[in-house]
């Protein structure tokens, strides 16, 4: 016979998981700043697994009649405020991480453009009429 999980245990577990998510998001920020792709793959998998676990607990809380009754009685006001505060911090950190990723993508795009410009300058030639030509188009390659 399985033991029934109490609403208090569900709420406590959800808060614990959200605090773990905060820690993962902070670690993810450090990894993004260090530009470590292998560590990023690992932490992304951990974050996805934790998000699934958070969703499962959230579903269990949403389906719990006992939780709804106790919430109406005001039994979880403090814990729910802590959960809400943790969610706000997670959302803010996730936005910061998104900005870091966006900036990294812009840097890569600028570097790519710069490399292509340098390649085109070094491969530039003149045709029989004195017009410049160069780059991949001079090789008959179309992107």
N, C-alpha and C. Protein backbone atom coordinates (compact mmCIF):
# COMPACT_ATOMS: atom_id res chain seq x y z
N UNK A 1 0.83 -1.18 0.00
CA UNK A 1 0.00 0.00 0.00
C UNK A 1 0.88 1.25 0.00
N UNK A 2 0.64 2.16 -0.91
CA UNK A 2 1.48 3.35 -1.02
C UNK A 2 1.01 4.42 -0.05
N UNK A 3 1.99 5.18 0.44
CA UNK A 3 1.70 6.26 1.36
C UNK A 3 1.23 7.47 0.59
N UNK A 4 0.23 8.12 1.12
CA UNK A 4 -0.30 9.32 0.48
C UNK A 4 0.59 10.52 0.83
N UNK A 5 0.94 11.28 -0.19
CA UNK A 5 1.77 12.46 0.02
C UNK A 5 0.86 13.60 0.45
N UNK A 6 1.24 14.25 1.52
CA UNK A 6 0.41 15.33 2.05
C UNK A 6 0.60 16.60 1.24
N UNK A 7 -0.36 17.50 1.27
CA UNK A 7 -0.21 18.78 0.58
C UNK A 7 1.03 19.54 1.06
N UNK A 8 1.33 19.45 2.34
CA UNK A 8 2.51 20.13 2.89
C UNK A 8 3.78 19.59 2.24
N UNK A 9 3.85 18.27 2.06
CA UNK A 9 5.02 17.66 1.41
C UNK A 9 5.13 18.10 -0.05
N UNK A 10 3.99 18.18 -0.73
CA UNK A 10 4.01 18.63 -2.14
C UNK A 10 4.53 20.05 -2.26
N UNK A 11 4.02 20.94 -1.39
CA UNK A 11 4.43 22.34 -1.44
C UNK A 11 5.91 22.47 -1.09
N UNK A 12 6.35 21.75 -0.07
CA UNK A 12 7.76 21.78 0.33
C UNK A 12 8.66 21.26 -0.78
N UNK A 13 8.21 20.20 -1.44
CA UNK A 13 9.00 19.63 -2.54
C UNK A 13 9.08 20.61 -3.71
N UNK A 14 7.98 21.28 -4.00
CA UNK A 14 8.00 22.23 -5.10
C UNK A 14 8.93 23.41 -4.79
N UNK A 15 8.89 23.91 -3.57
CA UNK A 15 9.79 24.99 -3.20
C UNK A 15 11.24 24.55 -3.30
N UNK A 16 11.53 23.35 -2.84
CA UNK A 16 12.89 22.81 -2.92
C UNK A 16 13.36 22.71 -4.37
N UNK A 17 12.47 22.24 -5.24
CA UNK A 17 12.84 22.11 -6.66
C UNK A 17 13.07 23.47 -7.30
N UNK A 18 12.28 24.46 -6.93
CA UNK A 18 12.47 25.80 -7.49
C UNK A 18 13.78 26.41 -7.01
N UNK A 19 14.16 26.15 -5.78
CA UNK A 19 15.45 26.63 -5.29
C UNK A 19 16.59 25.94 -6.03
N UNK A 20 16.41 24.66 -6.35
CA UNK A 20 17.40 23.94 -7.16
C UNK A 20 17.50 24.56 -8.55
N UNK A 21 16.35 24.94 -9.11
CA UNK A 21 16.32 25.57 -10.43
C UNK A 21 17.06 26.90 -10.40
N UNK A 22 16.88 27.67 -9.35
CA UNK A 22 17.62 28.93 -9.22
C UNK A 22 19.12 28.68 -9.26
N UNK A 23 19.56 27.68 -8.52
CA UNK A 23 20.99 27.34 -8.49
C UNK A 23 21.47 26.92 -9.88
N UNK A 24 20.67 26.11 -10.57
CA UNK A 24 21.05 25.68 -11.93
C UNK A 24 21.13 26.86 -12.88
N UNK A 25 20.18 27.79 -12.78
CA UNK A 25 20.20 28.96 -13.66
C UNK A 25 21.42 29.83 -13.40
N UNK A 26 21.82 29.96 -12.15
CA UNK A 26 23.03 30.72 -11.84
C UNK A 26 24.27 30.02 -12.38
N UNK A 27 24.30 28.71 -12.25
CA UNK A 27 25.42 27.93 -12.81
C UNK A 27 25.42 28.04 -14.34
N UNK A 28 24.25 28.00 -14.93
CA UNK A 28 24.14 28.14 -16.38
C UNK A 28 24.70 29.48 -16.84
N UNK A 29 24.43 30.53 -16.09
CA UNK A 29 24.96 31.86 -16.42
C UNK A 29 26.49 31.83 -16.43
N UNK A 30 27.08 31.22 -15.41
CA UNK A 30 28.54 31.12 -15.35
C UNK A 30 29.09 30.34 -16.54
N UNK A 31 28.42 29.26 -16.89
CA UNK A 31 28.87 28.43 -18.02
C UNK A 31 28.76 29.21 -19.33
N UNK A 32 27.67 29.97 -19.48
CA UNK A 32 27.51 30.79 -20.69
C UNK A 32 28.61 31.84 -20.78
N UNK A 33 28.96 32.43 -19.66
CA UNK A 33 30.01 33.45 -19.66
C UNK A 33 31.37 32.84 -19.95
N UNK A 34 31.58 31.60 -19.52
CA UNK A 34 32.84 30.90 -19.78
C UNK A 34 32.88 30.30 -21.18
N UNK A 35 31.75 30.27 -21.84
CA UNK A 35 31.61 29.70 -23.18
C UNK A 35 32.11 28.25 -23.21
N UNK A 36 31.51 27.42 -22.35
CA UNK A 36 31.88 26.02 -22.23
C UNK A 36 30.72 25.16 -22.77
N UNK A 37 30.78 24.78 -24.06
CA UNK A 37 29.64 24.07 -24.66
C UNK A 37 29.36 22.70 -24.04
N UNK A 38 30.39 21.96 -23.62
CA UNK A 38 30.15 20.63 -23.03
C UNK A 38 29.41 20.75 -21.71
N UNK A 39 29.81 21.70 -20.88
CA UNK A 39 29.13 21.90 -19.60
C UNK A 39 27.71 22.42 -19.83
N UNK A 40 27.53 23.22 -20.88
CA UNK A 40 26.21 23.75 -21.19
C UNK A 40 25.24 22.64 -21.58
N UNK A 41 25.71 21.67 -22.33
CA UNK A 41 24.87 20.54 -22.72
C UNK A 41 24.44 19.76 -21.47
N UNK A 42 25.36 19.54 -20.57
CA UNK A 42 25.06 18.80 -19.35
C UNK A 42 24.06 19.54 -18.47
N UNK A 43 24.28 20.82 -18.26
CA UNK A 43 23.39 21.58 -17.37
C UNK A 43 22.02 21.77 -18.01
N UNK A 44 21.97 21.84 -19.32
CA UNK A 44 20.68 21.95 -20.01
C UNK A 44 19.85 20.69 -19.79
N UNK A 45 20.49 19.54 -19.84
CA UNK A 45 19.78 18.28 -19.58
C UNK A 45 19.28 18.24 -18.13
N UNK A 46 20.13 18.66 -17.20
CA UNK A 46 19.72 18.70 -15.79
C UNK A 46 18.54 19.66 -15.59
N UNK A 47 18.62 20.80 -16.25
CA UNK A 47 17.55 21.80 -16.12
C UNK A 47 16.24 21.26 -16.69
N UNK A 48 16.30 20.61 -17.83
CA UNK A 48 15.09 20.04 -18.43
C UNK A 48 14.46 18.98 -17.53
N UNK A 49 15.29 18.11 -16.94
CA UNK A 49 14.78 17.08 -16.03
C UNK A 49 14.12 17.72 -14.81
N UNK A 50 14.73 18.76 -14.28
CA UNK A 50 14.17 19.44 -13.12
C UNK A 50 12.86 20.14 -13.47
N UNK A 51 12.80 20.74 -14.65
CA UNK A 51 11.56 21.40 -15.07
C UNK A 51 10.41 20.39 -15.22
N UNK A 52 10.73 19.20 -15.71
CA UNK A 52 9.71 18.15 -15.82
C UNK A 52 9.22 17.75 -14.43
N UNK A 53 10.15 17.60 -13.48
CA UNK A 53 9.79 17.24 -12.11
C UNK A 53 8.94 18.33 -11.46
N UNK A 54 9.28 19.59 -11.72
CA UNK A 54 8.50 20.71 -11.19
C UNK A 54 7.09 20.67 -11.76
N UNK A 55 6.98 20.39 -13.05
CA UNK A 55 5.66 20.32 -13.69
C UNK A 55 4.83 19.19 -13.10
N UNK A 56 5.46 18.06 -12.83
CA UNK A 56 4.74 16.92 -12.25
C UNK A 56 4.20 17.26 -10.86
N UNK A 57 5.02 17.91 -10.04
CA UNK A 57 4.57 18.31 -8.70
C UNK A 57 3.46 19.35 -8.82
N UNK A 58 3.62 20.28 -9.76
CA UNK A 58 2.60 21.30 -9.97
C UNK A 58 1.26 20.66 -10.35
N UNK A 59 1.31 19.67 -11.22
CA UNK A 59 0.09 18.95 -11.60
C UNK A 59 -0.52 18.23 -10.40
N UNK A 60 0.32 17.60 -9.58
CA UNK A 60 -0.17 16.89 -8.40
C UNK A 60 -0.83 17.87 -7.42
N UNK A 61 -0.22 19.04 -7.27
CA UNK A 61 -0.81 20.06 -6.39
C UNK A 61 -2.14 20.54 -6.96
N UNK A 62 -2.17 20.77 -8.26
CA UNK A 62 -3.39 21.24 -8.90
C UNK A 62 -4.54 20.26 -8.80
N UNK A 63 -4.24 18.97 -8.69
CA UNK A 63 -5.28 17.95 -8.62
C UNK A 63 -5.63 17.55 -7.18
N UNK A 64 -4.91 18.11 -6.22
CA UNK A 64 -5.11 17.74 -4.83
C UNK A 64 -6.26 18.53 -4.19
N UNK A 65 -7.31 17.81 -3.85
CA UNK A 65 -8.46 18.43 -3.18
C UNK A 65 -8.04 18.92 -1.79
N UNK A 66 -7.21 18.11 -1.11
CA UNK A 66 -6.74 18.49 0.23
C UNK A 66 -5.96 19.80 0.19
N UNK A 67 -5.13 19.96 -0.85
CA UNK A 67 -4.36 21.20 -0.98
C UNK A 67 -5.31 22.39 -1.13
N UNK A 68 -6.31 22.24 -1.98
CA UNK A 68 -7.25 23.34 -2.21
C UNK A 68 -7.96 23.73 -0.91
N UNK A 69 -8.34 22.74 -0.14
CA UNK A 69 -9.01 23.01 1.13
C UNK A 69 -8.08 23.74 2.11
N UNK A 70 -6.85 23.24 2.21
CA UNK A 70 -5.90 23.86 3.13
C UNK A 70 -5.49 25.26 2.67
N UNK A 71 -5.42 25.45 1.36
CA UNK A 71 -5.08 26.77 0.84
C UNK A 71 -6.19 27.77 1.19
N UNK A 72 -7.43 27.35 1.03
CA UNK A 72 -8.55 28.23 1.39
C UNK A 72 -8.53 28.59 2.87
N UNK A 73 -8.01 27.68 3.69
CA UNK A 73 -7.92 27.94 5.13
C UNK A 73 -6.71 28.81 5.46
N UNK A 74 -5.89 29.12 4.44
CA UNK A 74 -4.73 29.99 4.64
C UNK A 74 -3.51 29.29 5.20
N UNK A 75 -3.47 27.97 5.06
CA UNK A 75 -2.36 27.21 5.65
C UNK A 75 -1.03 27.34 4.90
N UNK A 76 -1.05 27.71 3.64
CA UNK A 76 0.18 27.73 2.84
C UNK A 76 0.59 29.13 2.39
N UNK A 77 0.07 30.16 3.04
CA UNK A 77 0.34 31.52 2.59
C UNK A 77 1.84 31.83 2.54
N UNK A 78 2.57 31.47 3.57
CA UNK A 78 4.00 31.74 3.63
C UNK A 78 4.76 30.95 2.56
N UNK A 79 4.45 29.66 2.46
CA UNK A 79 5.14 28.81 1.48
C UNK A 79 4.85 29.25 0.05
N UNK A 80 3.60 29.60 -0.22
CA UNK A 80 3.24 30.05 -1.56
C UNK A 80 3.90 31.38 -1.90
N UNK A 81 4.08 32.25 -0.92
CA UNK A 81 4.80 33.51 -1.15
C UNK A 81 6.26 33.22 -1.48
N UNK A 82 6.87 32.25 -0.78
CA UNK A 82 8.25 31.86 -1.08
C UNK A 82 8.37 31.26 -2.48
N UNK A 83 7.39 30.45 -2.85
CA UNK A 83 7.38 29.85 -4.19
C UNK A 83 7.27 30.94 -5.25
N UNK A 84 6.37 31.89 -5.03
CA UNK A 84 6.20 32.99 -5.99
C UNK A 84 7.48 33.81 -6.12
N UNK A 85 8.13 34.10 -4.99
CA UNK A 85 9.38 34.86 -5.01
C UNK A 85 10.47 34.09 -5.78
N UNK A 86 10.53 32.78 -5.56
CA UNK A 86 11.51 31.96 -6.27
C UNK A 86 11.23 31.95 -7.77
N UNK A 87 9.96 31.86 -8.14
CA UNK A 87 9.59 31.89 -9.56
C UNK A 87 10.01 33.21 -10.21
N UNK A 88 9.83 34.31 -9.50
CA UNK A 88 10.22 35.62 -10.03
C UNK A 88 11.74 35.67 -10.23
N UNK A 89 12.50 35.15 -9.26
CA UNK A 89 13.96 35.13 -9.40
C UNK A 89 14.40 34.24 -10.56
N UNK A 90 13.73 33.09 -10.70
CA UNK A 90 14.05 32.17 -11.81
C UNK A 90 13.78 32.84 -13.16
N UNK A 91 12.64 33.51 -13.24
CA UNK A 91 12.29 34.19 -14.49
C UNK A 91 13.30 35.28 -14.83
N UNK A 92 13.70 36.05 -13.83
CA UNK A 92 14.68 37.12 -14.06
C UNK A 92 16.02 36.53 -14.52
N UNK A 93 16.49 35.47 -13.83
CA UNK A 93 17.76 34.86 -14.20
C UNK A 93 17.69 34.23 -15.59
N UNK A 94 16.56 33.65 -15.93
CA UNK A 94 16.39 33.07 -17.25
C UNK A 94 16.46 34.14 -18.33
N UNK A 95 15.89 35.32 -18.06
CA UNK A 95 15.97 36.43 -19.01
C UNK A 95 17.41 36.90 -19.17
N UNK A 96 18.14 36.96 -18.07
CA UNK A 96 19.56 37.35 -18.14
C UNK A 96 20.34 36.35 -18.97
N UNK A 97 20.10 35.06 -18.73
CA UNK A 97 20.78 34.02 -19.51
C UNK A 97 20.42 34.12 -20.99
N UNK A 98 19.17 34.44 -21.27
CA UNK A 98 18.75 34.63 -22.66
C UNK A 98 19.48 35.79 -23.32
N UNK A 99 19.70 36.87 -22.57
CA UNK A 99 20.44 38.01 -23.11
C UNK A 99 21.89 37.64 -23.38
N UNK A 100 22.48 36.84 -22.51
CA UNK A 100 23.86 36.39 -22.73
C UNK A 100 23.94 35.56 -23.99
N UNK A 101 22.98 34.67 -24.18
CA UNK A 101 22.95 33.84 -25.39
C UNK A 101 22.78 34.72 -26.63
N UNK A 102 21.89 35.69 -26.55
CA UNK A 102 21.66 36.60 -27.68
C UNK A 102 22.94 37.37 -28.02
N UNK A 103 23.61 37.89 -27.00
CA UNK A 103 24.86 38.63 -27.23
C UNK A 103 25.92 37.73 -27.85
N UNK A 104 25.98 36.48 -27.39
CA UNK A 104 26.94 35.53 -27.95
C UNK A 104 26.65 35.27 -29.42
N UNK A 105 25.37 35.13 -29.75
CA UNK A 105 24.99 34.91 -31.14
C UNK A 105 25.37 36.11 -32.01
N UNK A 106 25.17 37.32 -31.48
CA UNK A 106 25.55 38.52 -32.22
C UNK A 106 27.06 38.57 -32.44
N UNK A 107 27.83 38.19 -31.42
CA UNK A 107 29.29 38.18 -31.55
C UNK A 107 29.74 37.18 -32.61
N UNK A 108 29.12 36.02 -32.61
CA UNK A 108 29.47 35.00 -33.61
C UNK A 108 29.13 35.51 -35.01
N UNK A 109 27.99 36.16 -35.14
CA UNK A 109 27.58 36.69 -36.46
C UNK A 109 28.54 37.78 -36.93
N UNK A 110 28.96 38.65 -36.00
CA UNK A 110 29.93 39.69 -36.38
C UNK A 110 31.25 39.08 -36.82
N UNK A 111 31.69 38.05 -36.09
CA UNK A 111 32.95 37.40 -36.44
C UNK A 111 32.83 36.73 -37.80
N UNK A 112 31.71 36.10 -38.06
CA UNK A 112 31.48 35.44 -39.34
C UNK A 112 31.53 36.46 -40.47
N UNK A 113 30.85 37.59 -40.27
CA UNK A 113 30.85 38.65 -41.28
C UNK A 113 32.25 39.17 -41.52
N UNK A 114 32.99 39.38 -40.44
CA UNK A 114 34.36 39.88 -40.56
C UNK A 114 35.24 38.89 -41.30
N UNK A 115 35.11 37.60 -40.99
CA UNK A 115 35.91 36.59 -41.68
C UNK A 115 35.57 36.53 -43.16
N UNK A 116 34.29 36.62 -43.48
CA UNK A 116 33.89 36.60 -44.89
C UNK A 116 34.40 37.83 -45.63
N UNK A 117 34.37 38.99 -44.97
CA UNK A 117 34.88 40.21 -45.60
C UNK A 117 36.38 40.08 -45.86
N UNK A 118 37.12 39.57 -44.87
CA UNK A 118 38.56 39.39 -45.05
C UNK A 118 38.86 38.38 -46.15
N UNK A 119 38.07 37.32 -46.22
CA UNK A 119 38.26 36.33 -47.28
C UNK A 119 38.01 36.96 -48.65
N UNK A 120 36.95 37.73 -48.73
CA UNK A 120 36.62 38.37 -50.01
C UNK A 120 37.70 39.36 -50.42
N UNK A 121 38.28 40.10 -49.47
CA UNK A 121 39.33 41.05 -49.80
C UNK A 121 40.58 40.32 -50.29
N UNK A 122 40.92 39.20 -49.66
CA UNK A 122 42.13 38.49 -50.04
C UNK A 122 41.95 37.72 -51.34
N UNK A 123 40.74 37.44 -51.74
CA UNK A 123 40.52 36.68 -52.97
C UNK A 123 40.04 37.57 -54.12
N UNK A 124 40.08 38.88 -53.90
CA UNK A 124 39.60 39.80 -54.92
C UNK A 124 40.58 39.87 -56.10
N UNK A 125 40.05 39.82 -57.28
CA UNK A 125 40.85 39.93 -58.50
C UNK A 125 40.16 40.90 -59.45
N UNK A 126 40.81 41.17 -60.53
CA UNK A 126 40.25 42.07 -61.54
C UNK A 126 40.02 41.28 -62.83
N UNK A 127 38.91 41.59 -63.49
CA UNK A 127 38.64 40.91 -64.75
C UNK A 127 39.28 41.71 -65.89
N UNK A 128 39.05 41.28 -67.13
CA UNK A 128 39.68 41.90 -68.30
C UNK A 128 39.25 43.35 -68.51
N UNK A 129 38.13 43.76 -67.91
CA UNK A 129 37.65 45.12 -68.06
C UNK A 129 38.05 46.00 -66.87
N UNK A 130 38.81 45.43 -65.91
CA UNK A 130 39.26 46.21 -64.77
C UNK A 130 38.28 46.25 -63.62
N UNK A 131 37.23 45.46 -63.73
CA UNK A 131 36.26 45.41 -62.65
C UNK A 131 36.71 44.38 -61.62
N UNK A 132 36.39 44.67 -60.35
CA UNK A 132 36.78 43.74 -59.30
C UNK A 132 35.81 42.58 -59.23
N UNK A 133 36.34 41.44 -58.89
CA UNK A 133 35.53 40.27 -58.63
C UNK A 133 36.27 39.46 -57.58
N UNK A 134 35.52 38.67 -56.84
CA UNK A 134 36.19 37.89 -55.80
C UNK A 134 35.19 37.11 -55.00
N UNK A 135 35.70 36.40 -54.02
CA UNK A 135 34.85 35.62 -53.14
C UNK A 135 34.37 34.36 -53.79
N UNK A 136 33.33 33.82 -53.26
CA UNK A 136 32.80 32.55 -53.74
C UNK A 136 32.17 32.68 -55.12
N UNK A 137 31.65 33.86 -55.44
CA UNK A 137 31.00 34.01 -56.74
C UNK A 137 32.00 33.88 -57.89
N UNK A 138 33.28 34.23 -57.63
CA UNK A 138 34.27 34.10 -58.69
C UNK A 138 34.60 32.64 -58.97
N UNK A 139 34.23 31.77 -58.05
CA UNK A 139 34.48 30.34 -58.25
C UNK A 139 33.29 29.65 -58.87
N UNK A 140 32.24 30.41 -59.13
CA UNK A 140 31.03 29.83 -59.70
C UNK A 140 30.17 29.13 -58.66
N UNK A 141 30.39 29.44 -57.39
CA UNK A 141 29.61 28.81 -56.31
C UNK A 141 28.51 29.77 -55.89
N UNK A 142 27.32 29.24 -55.83
CA UNK A 142 26.18 30.06 -55.39
C UNK A 142 25.70 29.53 -54.06
N UNK A 143 25.54 30.44 -53.10
CA UNK A 143 25.10 30.03 -51.77
C UNK A 143 23.59 29.96 -51.73
